[in-house]
């Protein structure tokens, strides 16, 4: 994991060759950083608060050769992101 100073705070870069535990810890650090630094929104950039987060449209396509999952979502509102606790990503 590398932390790079930026004009909007730190930028965290995960090592693409890291172990599962290192990747999970890095993604957890990113999630918590987003929550604390970007959660309230950034007025200067016109970014609204993350909670609630409204997503106009999203597509989810996942699966393997045996099982596929496809979903098309629209008008989704996510609430409770201020209570986000990241535990494991891998």
C-alpha atoms as a PDB file:
ATOM      1  CA  UNK A   1       0.000   0.000   0.000  1.00  0.00           C
ATOM      2  CA  UNK A   2       1.322   3.415  -0.939  1.00  0.00           C
ATOM      3  CA  UNK A   3      -0.068   6.687   0.387  1.00  0.00           C
ATOM      4  CA  UNK A   4       0.486   9.639  -1.956  1.00  0.00           C
ATOM      5  CA  UNK A   5      -0.282  13.211  -0.827  1.00  0.00           C
ATOM      6  CA  UNK A   6      -2.726  14.982  -3.148  1.00  0.00           C
ATOM      7  CA  UNK A   7      -4.577  18.258  -3.399  1.00  0.00           C
ATOM      8  CA  UNK A   8      -7.743  16.621  -2.012  1.00  0.00           C
ATOM      9  CA  UNK A   9      -6.004  14.689   0.721  1.00  0.00           C
ATOM     10  CA  UNK A  10      -4.149  11.441   0.485  1.00  0.00           C
ATOM     11  CA  UNK A  11      -4.394   9.014  -2.404  1.00  0.00           C
ATOM     12  CA  UNK A  12      -4.057   5.383  -1.409  1.00  0.00           C
ATOM     13  CA  UNK A  13      -2.736   2.917  -3.954  1.00  0.00           C
ATOM     14  CA  UNK A  14      -3.006  -0.808  -3.295  1.00  0.00           C
ATOM     15  CA  UNK A  15      -0.186  -3.100  -4.413  1.00  0.00           C
ATOM     16  CA  UNK A  16      -1.614  -5.232  -7.256  1.00  0.00           C
ATOM     17  CA  UNK A  17       0.829  -7.999  -6.281  1.00  0.00           C
ATOM     18  CA  UNK A  18      -0.010  -7.944  -2.575  1.00  0.00           C
ATOM     19  CA  UNK A  19      -1.312 -10.882  -0.606  1.00  0.00           C
ATOM     20  CA  UNK A  20      -5.049 -11.273   0.014  1.00  0.00           C
ATOM     21  CA  UNK A  21      -4.580  -9.938   3.545  1.00  0.00           C
ATOM     22  CA  UNK A  22      -2.625  -6.903   2.301  1.00  0.00           C
ATOM     23  CA  UNK A  23      -5.226  -6.171  -0.388  1.00  0.00           C
ATOM     24  CA  UNK A  24      -8.063  -6.506   2.103  1.00  0.00           C
ATOM     25  CA  UNK A  25      -6.324  -4.138   4.542  1.00  0.00           C
ATOM     26  CA  UNK A  26      -5.616  -1.641   1.758  1.00  0.00           C
ATOM     27  CA  UNK A  27      -9.231  -1.644   0.543  1.00  0.00           C
ATOM     28  CA  UNK A  28     -10.405  -1.260   4.138  1.00  0.00           C
ATOM     29  CA  UNK A  29      -8.127   1.778   4.533  1.00  0.00           C
ATOM     30  CA  UNK A  30      -9.543   3.281   1.315  1.00  0.00           C
ATOM     31  CA  UNK A  31     -13.144   2.729   2.425  1.00  0.00           C
ATOM     32  CA  UNK A  32     -12.544   4.328   5.818  1.00  0.00           C
ATOM     33  CA  UNK A  33     -10.656   7.235   4.203  1.00  0.00           C
ATOM     34  CA  UNK A  34     -13.533   7.863   1.796  1.00  0.00           C
ATOM     35  CA  UNK A  35     -16.011   7.764   4.646  1.00  0.00           C
ATOM     36  CA  UNK A  36     -14.162  10.244   6.839  1.00  0.00           C
ATOM     37  CA  UNK A  37     -12.821  12.648   4.217  1.00  0.00           C
ATOM     38  CA  UNK A  38     -15.402  12.562   1.430  1.00  0.00           C
ATOM     39  CA  UNK A  39     -18.492  11.451   3.351  1.00  0.00           C
ATOM     40  CA  UNK A  40     -19.703  14.960   4.208  1.00  0.00           C
ATOM     41  CA  UNK A  41     -19.317  15.994   0.555  1.00  0.00           C
ATOM     42  CA  UNK A  42     -16.962  18.530  -0.984  1.00  0.00           C
ATOM     43  CA  UNK A  43     -18.794  21.764  -1.707  1.00  0.00           C
ATOM     44  CA  UNK A  44     -15.916  23.254  -3.732  1.00  0.00           C
ATOM     45  CA  UNK A  45     -16.194  20.365  -6.216  1.00  0.00           C
ATOM     46  CA  UNK A  46     -19.965  20.159  -6.168  1.00  0.00           C
ATOM     47  CA  UNK A  47     -19.878  16.679  -4.593  1.00  0.00           C
ATOM     48  CA  UNK A  48     -22.893  16.013  -2.373  1.00  0.00           C
ATOM     49  CA  UNK A  49     -22.642  14.043   0.893  1.00  0.00           C
ATOM     50  CA  UNK A  50     -22.268  10.268   0.492  1.00  0.00           C
ATOM     51  CA  UNK A  51     -25.238   9.544   2.747  1.00  0.00           C
ATOM     52  CA  UNK A  52     -27.684   9.132   1.214  1.00  0.00           C
ATOM     53  CA  UNK A  53     -25.982   8.179  -2.052  1.00  0.00           C
ATOM     54  CA  UNK A  54     -28.228   8.229  -5.108  1.00  0.00           C
ATOM     55  CA  UNK A  55     -27.179   6.200  -8.132  1.00  0.00           C
ATOM     56  CA  UNK A  56     -29.094   6.930 -11.324  1.00  0.00           C
ATOM     57  CA  UNK A  57     -28.242   3.701 -13.122  1.00  0.00           C
ATOM     58  CA  UNK A  58     -25.926   0.761 -12.487  1.00  0.00           C
ATOM     59  CA  UNK A  59     -25.305  -2.596 -14.099  1.00  0.00           C
ATOM     60  CA  UNK A  60     -23.958  -5.672 -12.339  1.00  0.00           C
ATOM     61  CA  UNK A  61     -22.591  -8.509 -14.439  1.00  0.00           C
ATOM     62  CA  UNK A  62     -20.894 -11.331 -12.557  1.00  0.00           C
ATOM     63  CA  UNK A  63     -20.447 -15.027 -12.823  1.00  0.00           C
ATOM     64  CA  UNK A  64     -18.573 -17.852 -14.383  1.00  0.00           C
ATOM     65  CA  UNK A  65     -19.096 -20.321 -17.192  1.00  0.00           C
ATOM     66  CA  UNK A  66     -21.625 -22.230 -15.052  1.00  0.00           C
ATOM     67  CA  UNK A  67     -23.549 -19.437 -13.331  1.00  0.00           C
ATOM     68  CA  UNK A  68     -24.149 -15.864 -14.457  1.00  0.00           C
ATOM     69  CA  UNK A  69     -25.776 -12.965 -12.644  1.00  0.00           C
ATOM     70  CA  UNK A  70     -26.875  -9.825 -14.454  1.00  0.00           C
ATOM     71  CA  UNK A  71     -28.830  -6.959 -12.938  1.00  0.00           C
ATOM     72  CA  UNK A  72     -29.828  -3.511 -14.167  1.00  0.00           C
ATOM     73  CA  UNK A  73     -30.630  -1.035 -11.407  1.00  0.00           C
ATOM     74  CA  UNK A  74     -32.092   2.450 -11.673  1.00  0.00           C
ATOM     75  CA  UNK A  75     -33.078   5.076  -9.126  1.00  0.00           C
ATOM     76  CA  UNK A  76     -31.129   3.402  -6.319  1.00  0.00           C
ATOM     77  CA  UNK A  77     -30.644   5.267  -3.044  1.00  0.00           C
ATOM     78  CA  UNK A  78     -28.165   3.886  -0.518  1.00  0.00           C
ATOM     79  CA  UNK A  79     -28.505   5.012   3.079  1.00  0.00           C
ATOM     80  CA  UNK A  80     -26.491   4.291   6.185  1.00  0.00           C
ATOM     81  CA  UNK A  81     -23.076   4.806   4.578  1.00  0.00           C
ATOM     82  CA  UNK A  82     -22.074   6.977   7.555  1.00  0.00           C
ATOM     83  CA  UNK A  83     -22.182   3.740   9.579  1.00  0.00           C
ATOM     84  CA  UNK A  84     -19.911   1.905   7.154  1.00  0.00           C
ATOM     85  CA  UNK A  85     -17.582  -0.626   8.708  1.00  0.00           C
ATOM     86  CA  UNK A  86     -15.285  -2.450   6.339  1.00  0.00           C
ATOM     87  CA  UNK A  87     -14.117  -5.881   7.416  1.00  0.00           C
ATOM     88  CA  UNK A  88     -12.907  -8.100   4.573  1.00  0.00           C
ATOM     89  CA  UNK A  89     -12.765  -7.628   0.799  1.00  0.00           C
ATOM     90  CA  UNK A  90     -10.994 -10.747  -0.378  1.00  0.00           C
END
